[in-house]
Amino acid sequence: MYYVYILKSLNFPEKIYVGYTQNIDCRLEQHNAGKSSYTDKYKPWVVHGYVAFFEENKAIAFEKYLKTGSGKALAQKHFL
């Protein structure tokens, strides 16, 4: 399975991060350990929602969509 996940910063609640992975728990640990330059300065993070896909290309496409204006609006309405 491939997961598109939405993280929310605990210290900066207005900061949201969208990504995709095959292992949400492992990826969250990486974000909170500072292994991503963007998310390092806003840690700690919590998973605020995710969507599972069987196909990697569909997960990638949905992740890209969530980073657009209409995708951000959808995420705000349904996940945040």
PDB file of N, CA and C in Angstrom:
ATOM      1  N   MET A   1       0.850  -1.194   0.000  1.00  0.00           N
ATOM      2  CA  MET A   1       0.000   0.000   0.000  1.00  0.00           C
ATOM      3  C   MET A   1       0.887   1.247   0.000  1.00  0.00           C
ATOM      4  N   TYR A   2       0.341   2.290  -0.596  1.00  0.00           N
ATOM      5  CA  TYR A   2       0.998   3.602  -0.617  1.00  0.00           C
ATOM      6  C   TYR A   2       0.057   4.583   0.069  1.00  0.00           C
ATOM      7  N   TYR A   3       0.616   5.403   0.930  1.00  0.00           N
ATOM      8  CA  TYR A   3      -0.191   6.315   1.733  1.00  0.00           C
ATOM      9  C   TYR A   3       0.181   7.764   1.436  1.00  0.00           C
ATOM     10  N   VAL A   4      -0.828   8.580   1.206  1.00  0.00           N
ATOM     11  CA  VAL A   4      -0.654  10.025   1.148  1.00  0.00           C
ATOM     12  C   VAL A   4      -1.072  10.515   2.524  1.00  0.00           C
ATOM     13  N   TYR A   5      -0.150  11.194   3.187  1.00  0.00           N
ATOM     14  CA  TYR A   5      -0.408  11.585   4.577  1.00  0.00           C
ATOM     15  C   TYR A   5      -0.352  13.094   4.735  1.00  0.00           C
ATOM     16  N   ILE A   6      -1.066  13.570   5.739  1.00  0.00           N
ATOM     17  CA  ILE A   6      -1.062  14.985   6.084  1.00  0.00           C
ATOM     18  C   ILE A   6      -0.560  15.094   7.515  1.00  0.00           C
ATOM     19  N   LEU A   7       0.523  15.848   7.678  1.00  0.00           N
ATOM     20  CA  LEU A   7       1.074  16.095   9.005  1.00  0.00           C
ATOM     21  C   LEU A   7       0.724  17.505   9.445  1.00  0.00           C
ATOM     22  N   LYS A   8       0.582  17.659  10.744  1.00  0.00           N
ATOM     23  CA  LYS A   8       0.342  18.982  11.317  1.00  0.00           C
ATOM     24  C   LYS A   8       1.368  19.194  12.421  1.00  0.00           C
ATOM     25  N   SER A   9       1.984  20.362  12.419  1.00  0.00           N
ATOM     26  CA  SER A   9       2.978  20.691  13.436  1.00  0.00           C
ATOM     27  C   SER A   9       2.289  20.979  14.770  1.00  0.00           C
ATOM     28  N   LEU A  10       2.841  20.430  15.840  1.00  0.00           N
ATOM     29  CA  LEU A  10       2.281  20.703  17.165  1.00  0.00           C
ATOM     30  C   LEU A  10       2.660  22.092  17.658  1.00  0.00           C
ATOM     31  N   ASN A  11       3.872  22.548  17.346  1.00  0.00           N
ATOM     32  CA  ASN A  11       4.341  23.853  17.819  1.00  0.00           C
ATOM     33  C   ASN A  11       3.922  25.001  16.909  1.00  0.00           C
ATOM     34  N   PHE A  12       3.627  24.703  15.648  1.00  0.00           N
ATOM     35  CA  PHE A  12       3.203  25.705  14.670  1.00  0.00           C
ATOM     36  C   PHE A  12       1.956  25.164  13.970  1.00  0.00           C
ATOM     37  N   PRO A  13       0.789  25.219  14.626  1.00  0.00           N
ATOM     38  CA  PRO A  13      -0.420  24.556  14.111  1.00  0.00           C
ATOM     39  C   PRO A  13      -0.855  24.999  12.718  1.00  0.00           C
ATOM     40  N   GLU A  14      -0.367  26.134  12.239  1.00  0.00           N
ATOM     41  CA  GLU A  14      -0.730  26.567  10.892  1.00  0.00           C
ATOM     42  C   GLU A  14       0.101  25.845   9.827  1.00  0.00           C
ATOM     43  N   LYS A  15       1.154  25.151  10.245  1.00  0.00           N
ATOM     44  CA  LYS A  15       2.026  24.445   9.307  1.00  0.00           C
ATOM     45  C   LYS A  15       1.518  23.033   9.049  1.00  0.00           C
ATOM     46  N   ILE A  16       1.344  22.745   7.769  1.00  0.00           N
ATOM     47  CA  ILE A  16       0.855  21.451   7.298  1.00  0.00           C
ATOM     48  C   ILE A  16       1.894  20.903   6.324  1.00  0.00           C
ATOM     49  N   TYR A  17       2.065  19.595   6.319  1.00  0.00           N
ATOM     50  CA  TYR A  17       2.964  18.957   5.357  1.00  0.00           C
ATOM     51  C   TYR A  17       2.237  17.776   4.734  1.00  0.00           C
ATOM     52  N   VAL A  18       2.352  17.642   3.418  1.00  0.00           N
ATOM     53  CA  VAL A  18       1.739  16.535   2.687  1.00  0.00           C
ATOM     54  C   VAL A  18       2.845  15.725   2.028  1.00  0.00           C
ATOM     55  N   GLY A  19       2.780  14.407   2.154  1.00  0.00           N
ATOM     56  CA  GLY A  19       3.758  13.535   1.523  1.00  0.00           C
ATOM     57  C   GLY A  19       3.152  12.179   1.236  1.00  0.00           C
ATOM     58  N   TYR A  20       3.978  11.270   0.676  1.00  0.00           N
ATOM     59  CA  TYR A  20       3.505   9.906   0.471  1.00  0.00           C
ATOM     60  C   TYR A  20       4.595   8.932   0.864  1.00  0.00           C
ATOM     61  N   THR A  21       4.194   7.745   1.282  1.00  0.00           N
ATOM     62  CA  THR A  21       5.123   6.741   1.783  1.00  0.00           C
ATOM     63  C   THR A  21       4.451   5.380   1.765  1.00  0.00           C
ATOM     64  N   GLN A  22       5.244   4.357   2.005  1.00  0.00           N
ATOM     65  CA  GLN A  22       4.691   3.014   2.203  1.00  0.00           C
ATOM     66  C   GLN A  22       4.603   2.685   3.691  1.00  0.00           C
ATOM     67  N   ASN A  23       5.220   3.497   4.553  1.00  0.00           N
ATOM     68  CA  ASN A  23       5.225   3.232   5.987  1.00  0.00           C
ATOM     69  C   ASN A  23       5.068   4.557   6.732  1.00  0.00           C
ATOM     70  N   ILE A  24       3.859   4.834   7.161  1.00  0.00           N
ATOM     71  CA  ILE A  24       3.565   6.122   7.811  1.00  0.00           C
ATOM     72  C   ILE A  24       4.324   6.278   9.122  1.00  0.00           C
ATOM     73  N   ASP A  25       4.354   5.240   9.944  1.00  0.00           N
ATOM     74  CA  ASP A  25       5.032   5.350  11.243  1.00  0.00           C
ATOM     75  C   ASP A  25       6.512   5.672  11.082  1.00  0.00           C
ATOM     76  N   CYS A  26       7.166   4.976  10.172  1.00  0.00           N
ATOM     77  CA  CYS A  26       8.588   5.211   9.914  1.00  0.00           C
ATOM     78  C   CYS A  26       8.817   6.621   9.374  1.00  0.00           C
ATOM     79  N   ARG A  27       7.969   7.040   8.449  1.00  0.00           N
ATOM     80  CA  ARG A  27       8.135   8.372   7.856  1.00  0.00           C
ATOM     81  C   ARG A  27       7.901   9.465   8.884  1.00  0.00           C
ATOM     82  N   LEU A  28       6.930   9.286   9.776  1.00  0.00           N
ATOM     83  CA  LEU A  28       6.686  10.260  10.838  1.00  0.00           C
ATOM     84  C   LEU A  28       7.907  10.358  11.750  1.00  0.00           C
ATOM     85  N   GLU A  29       8.505   9.224  12.089  1.00  0.00           N
ATOM     86  CA  GLU A  29       9.728   9.232  12.902  1.00  0.00           C
ATOM     87  C   GLU A  29      10.839  10.017  12.210  1.00  0.00           C
ATOM     88  N   GLN A  30      10.973   9.847  10.899  1.00  0.00           N
ATOM     89  CA  GLN A  30      11.997  10.579  10.147  1.00  0.00           C
ATOM     90  C   GLN A  30      11.744  12.079  10.195  1.00  0.00           C
ATOM     91  N   HIS A  31      10.494  12.491  10.014  1.00  0.00           N
ATOM     92  CA  HIS A  31      10.167  13.918  10.089  1.00  0.00           C
ATOM     93  C   HIS A  31      10.480  14.462  11.473  1.00  0.00           C
ATOM     94  N   ASN A  32      10.114  13.738  12.510  1.00  0.00           N
ATOM     95  CA  ASN A  32      10.337  14.214  13.871  1.00  0.00           C
ATOM     96  C   ASN A  32      11.796  14.117  14.307  1.00  0.00           C
ATOM     97  N   ALA A  33      12.602  13.348  13.578  1.00  0.00           N
ATOM     98  CA  ALA A  33      14.040  13.243  13.869  1.00  0.00           C
ATOM     99  C   ALA A  33      14.837  14.303  13.110  1.00  0.00           C
ATOM    100  N   GLY A  34      14.157  15.111  12.316  1.00  0.00           N
ATOM    101  CA  GLY A  34      14.827  16.180  11.600  1.00  0.00           C
ATOM    102  C   GLY A  34      15.478  15.760  10.295  1.00  0.00           C
ATOM    103  N   LYS A  35      15.050  14.653   9.714  1.00  0.00           N
ATOM    104  CA  LYS A  35      15.668  14.157   8.486  1.00  0.00           C
ATOM    105  C   LYS A  35      15.106  14.786   7.219  1.00  0.00           C
ATOM    106  N   SER A  36      14.191  15.710   7.353  1.00  0.00           N
ATOM    107  CA  SER A  36      13.664  16.467   6.226  1.00  0.00           C
ATOM    108  C   SER A  36      13.947  17.943   6.500  1.00  0.00           C
ATOM    109  N   SER A  37      14.613  18.600   5.569  1.00  0.00           N
ATOM    110  CA  SER A  37      15.003  19.992   5.811  1.00  0.00           C
ATOM    111  C   SER A  37      13.791  20.913   5.993  1.00  0.00           C
ATOM    112  N   TYR A  38      12.694  20.653   5.269  1.00  0.00           N
ATOM    113  CA  TYR A  38      11.515  21.514   5.420  1.00  0.00           C
ATOM    114  C   TYR A  38      10.840  21.293   6.766  1.00  0.00           C
ATOM    115  N   THR A  39      10.645  20.050   7.149  1.00  0.00           N
ATOM    116  CA  THR A  39       9.863  19.778   8.357  1.00  0.00           C
ATOM    117  C   THR A  39      10.674  19.901   9.637  1.00  0.00           C
ATOM    118  N   ASP A  40      11.995  19.923   9.547  1.00  0.00           N
ATOM    119  CA  ASP A  40      12.844  19.969  10.734  1.00  0.00           C
ATOM    120  C   ASP A  40      12.524  21.158  11.644  1.00  0.00           C
ATOM    121  N   LYS A  41      12.348  22.318  11.043  1.00  0.00           N
ATOM    122  CA  LYS A  41      12.158  23.525  11.863  1.00  0.00           C
ATOM    123  C   LYS A  41      10.766  23.647  12.485  1.00  0.00           C
ATOM    124  N   TYR A  42       9.842  22.759  12.101  1.00  0.00           N
ATOM    125  CA  TYR A  42       8.474  22.842  12.630  1.00  0.00           C
ATOM    126  C   TYR A  42       8.095  21.626  13.468  1.00  0.00           C
ATOM    127  N   LYS A  43       9.044  20.789  13.812  1.00  0.00           N
ATOM    128  CA  LYS A  43       8.736  19.578  14.578  1.00  0.00           C
ATOM    129  C   LYS A  43       8.357  19.928  16.000  1.00  0.00           C
ATOM    130  N   PRO A  44       7.647  19.112  16.706  1.00  0.00           N
ATOM    131  CA  PRO A  44       7.192  17.776  16.329  1.00  0.00           C
ATOM    132  C   PRO A  44       5.916  17.813  15.481  1.00  0.00           C
ATOM    133  N   TRP A  45       5.733  16.722  14.736  1.00  0.00           N
ATOM    134  CA  TRP A  45       4.594  16.561  13.841  1.00  0.00           C
ATOM    135  C   TRP A  45       3.702  15.421  14.307  1.00  0.00           C
ATOM    136  N   VAL A  46       2.417  15.513  13.966  1.00  0.00           N
ATOM    137  CA  VAL A  46       1.480  14.408  14.181  1.00  0.00           C
ATOM    138  C   VAL A  46       0.752  14.148  12.864  1.00  0.00           C
ATOM    139  N   VAL A  47       0.371  12.892  12.662  1.00  0.00           N
ATOM    140  CA  VAL A  47      -0.404  12.542  11.472  1.00  0.00           C
ATOM    141  C   VAL A  47      -1.824  13.037  11.690  1.00  0.00           C
ATOM    142  N   HIS A  48      -2.302  13.826  10.745  1.00  0.00           N
ATOM    143  CA  HIS A  48      -3.647  14.384  10.875  1.00  0.00           C
ATOM    144  C   HIS A  48      -4.645  13.680   9.966  1.00  0.00           C
ATOM    145  N   GLY A  49      -4.137  12.914   9.026  1.00  0.00           N
ATOM    146  CA  GLY A  49      -5.001  12.152   8.137  1.00  0.00           C
ATOM    147  C   GLY A  49      -4.172  11.465   7.072  1.00  0.00           C
ATOM    148  N   TYR A  50      -4.758  10.460   6.448  1.00  0.00           N
ATOM    149  CA  TYR A  50      -4.083   9.780   5.348  1.00  0.00           C
ATOM    150  C   TYR A  50      -5.102   9.064   4.479  1.00  0.00           C
ATOM    151  N   VAL A  51      -4.668   8.774   3.239  1.00  0.00           N
ATOM    152  CA  VAL A  51      -5.476   8.028   2.279  1.00  0.00           C
ATOM    153  C   VAL A  51      -4.574   6.936   1.723  1.00  0.00           C
ATOM    154  N   ALA A  52      -5.084   5.706   1.632  1.00  0.00           N
ATOM    155  CA  ALA A  52      -4.304   4.564   1.148  1.00  0.00           C
ATOM    156  C   ALA A  52      -4.633   4.272  -0.315  1.00  0.00           C
ATOM    157  N   PHE A  53      -3.596   3.898  -1.060  1.00  0.00           N
ATOM    158  CA  PHE A  53      -3.724   3.551  -2.470  1.00  0.00           C
ATOM    159  C   PHE A  53      -3.011   2.235  -2.739  1.00  0.00           C
ATOM    160  N   PHE A  54      -3.534   1.452  -3.675  1.00  0.00           N
ATOM    161  CA  PHE A  54      -2.862   0.238  -4.117  1.00  0.00           C
ATOM    162  C   PHE A  54      -1.737   0.555  -5.097  1.00  0.00           C
ATOM    163  N   GLU A  55      -1.910   1.620  -5.873  1.00  0.00           N
ATOM    164  CA  GLU A  55      -0.961   1.946  -6.930  1.00  0.00           C
ATOM    165  C   GLU A  55      -0.157   3.201  -6.578  1.00  0.00           C
ATOM    166  N   GLU A  56       1.159   3.092  -6.711  1.00  0.00           N
ATOM    167  CA  GLU A  56       2.040   4.209  -6.366  1.00  0.00           C
ATOM    168  C   GLU A  56       1.753   5.444  -7.208  1.00  0.00           C
ATOM    169  N   ASN A  57       1.507   5.266  -8.497  1.00  0.00           N
ATOM    170  CA  ASN A  57       1.275   6.427  -9.361  1.00  0.00           C
ATOM    171  C   ASN A  57       0.027   7.203  -8.946  1.00  0.00           C
ATOM    172  N   LYS A  58      -0.967   6.522  -8.425  1.00  0.00           N
ATOM    173  CA  LYS A  58      -2.183   7.217  -7.966  1.00  0.00           C
ATOM    174  C   LYS A  58      -1.900   7.985  -6.670  1.00  0.00           C
ATOM    175  N   ALA A  59      -1.067   7.412  -5.799  1.00  0.00           N
ATOM    176  CA  ALA A  59      -0.681   8.112  -4.566  1.00  0.00           C
ATOM    177  C   ALA A  59       0.106   9.374  -4.904  1.00  0.00           C
ATOM    178  N   ILE A  60       1.035   9.261  -5.834  1.00  0.00           N
ATOM    179  CA  ILE A  60       1.839  10.419  -6.241  1.00  0.00           C
ATOM    180  C   ILE A  60       0.951  11.504  -6.838  1.00  0.00           C
ATOM    181  N   ALA A  61       0.015  11.104  -7.677  1.00  0.00           N
ATOM    182  CA  ALA A  61      -0.894  12.076  -8.291  1.00  0.00           C
ATOM    183  C   ALA A  61      -1.752  12.769  -7.238  1.00  0.00           C
ATOM    184  N   PHE A  62      -2.235  12.022  -6.244  1.00  0.00           N
ATOM    185  CA  PHE A  62      -3.071  12.626  -5.195  1.00  0.00           C
ATOM    186  C   PHE A  62      -2.238  13.555  -4.314  1.00  0.00           C
ATOM    187  N   GLU A  63      -1.009  13.156  -4.013  1.00  0.00           N
ATOM    188  CA  GLU A  63      -0.126  14.032  -3.235  1.00  0.00           C
ATOM    189  C   GLU A  63       0.075  15.353  -3.974  1.00  0.00           C
ATOM    190  N   LYS A  64       0.365  15.289  -5.263  1.00  0.00           N
ATOM    191  CA  LYS A  64       0.557  16.507  -6.055  1.00  0.00           C
ATOM    192  C   LYS A  64      -0.710  17.353  -6.066  1.00  0.00           C
ATOM    193  N   TYR A  65      -1.873  16.698  -6.164  1.00  0.00           N
ATOM    194  CA  TYR A  65      -3.139  17.431  -6.152  1.00  0.00           C
ATOM    195  C   TYR A  65      -3.333  18.167  -4.826  1.00  0.00           C
ATOM    196  N   LEU A  66      -3.014  17.503  -3.710  1.00  0.00           N
ATOM    197  CA  LEU A  66      -3.208  18.135  -2.402  1.00  0.00           C
ATOM    198  C   LEU A  66      -2.313  19.360  -2.218  1.00  0.00           C
ATOM    199  N   LYS A  67      -1.293  19.496  -3.045  1.00  0.00           N
ATOM    200  CA  LYS A  67      -0.396  20.644  -2.956  1.00  0.00           C
ATOM    201  C   LYS A  67      -0.839  21.794  -3.862  1.00  0.00           C
ATOM    202  N   THR A  68      -1.952  21.621  -4.578  1.00  0.00           N
ATOM    203  CA  THR A  68      -2.505  22.692  -5.405  1.00  0.00           C
ATOM    204  C   THR A  68      -3.511  23.489  -4.581  1.00  0.00           C
ATOM    205  N   GLY A  69      -3.972  24.589  -5.120  1.00  0.00           N
ATOM    206  CA  GLY A  69      -4.961  25.413  -4.418  1.00  0.00           C
ATOM    207  C   GLY A  69      -6.234  24.662  -4.091  1.00  0.00           C
ATOM    208  N   SER A  70      -6.810  23.975  -5.085  1.00  0.00           N
ATOM    209  CA  SER A  70      -8.056  23.245  -4.825  1.00  0.00           C
ATOM    210  C   SER A  70      -7.804  22.033  -3.933  1.00  0.00           C
ATOM    211  N   GLY A  71      -6.627  21.421  -4.040  1.00  0.00           N
ATOM    212  CA  GLY A  71      -6.286  20.296  -3.173  1.00  0.00           C
ATOM    213  C   GLY A  71      -6.130  20.732  -1.723  1.00  0.00           C
ATOM    214  N   LYS A  72      -5.535  21.902  -1.516  1.00  0.00           N
ATOM    215  CA  LYS A  72      -5.404  22.439  -0.151  1.00  0.00           C
ATOM    216  C   LYS A  72      -6.780  22.718   0.445  1.00  0.00           C
ATOM    217  N   ALA A  73      -7.694  23.224  -0.381  1.00  0.00           N
ATOM    218  CA  ALA A  73      -9.054  23.488   0.084  1.00  0.00           C
ATOM    219  C   ALA A  73      -9.750  22.180   0.469  1.00  0.00           C
ATOM    220  N   LEU A  74      -9.569  21.141  -0.347  1.00  0.00           N
ATOM    221  CA  LEU A  74     -10.160  19.839  -0.037  1.00  0.00           C
ATOM    222  C   LEU A  74      -9.585  19.291   1.275  1.00  0.00           C
ATOM    223  N   ALA A  75      -8.272  19.374   1.434  1.00  0.00           N
ATOM    224  CA  ALA A  75      -7.637  18.887   2.659  1.00  0.00           C
ATOM    225  C   ALA A  75      -8.132  19.664   3.874  1.00  0.00           C
ATOM    226  N   GLN A  76      -8.236  20.966   3.732  1.00  0.00           N
ATOM    227  CA  GLN A  76      -8.717  21.811   4.846  1.00  0.00           C
ATOM    228  C   GLN A  76     -10.127  21.420   5.253  1.00  0.00           C
ATOM    229  N   LYS A  77     -10.963  21.162   4.271  1.00  0.00           N
ATOM    230  CA  LYS A  77     -12.364  20.849   4.551  1.00  0.00           C
ATOM    231  C   LYS A  77     -12.544  19.446   5.136  1.00  0.00           C
ATOM    232  N   HIS A  78     -11.774  18.482   4.653  1.00  0.00           N
ATOM    233  CA  HIS A  78     -12.028  17.084   5.015  1.00  0.00           C
ATOM    234  C   HIS A  78     -11.027  16.468   5.993  1.00  0.00           C
ATOM    235  N   PHE A  79      -9.828  17.016   6.102  1.00  0.00           N
ATOM    236  CA  PHE A  79      -8.812  16.397   6.932  1.00  0.00           C
ATOM    237  C   PHE A  79      -8.351  17.244   8.103  1.00  0.00           C
ATOM    238  N   LEU A  80      -8.527  18.564   8.008  1.00  0.00           N
ATOM    239  CA  LEU A  80      -7.953  19.438   9.051  1.00  0.00           C
ATOM    240  C   LEU A  80      -9.003  20.076   9.908  1.00  0.00           C
TER     241      LEU A  80
END
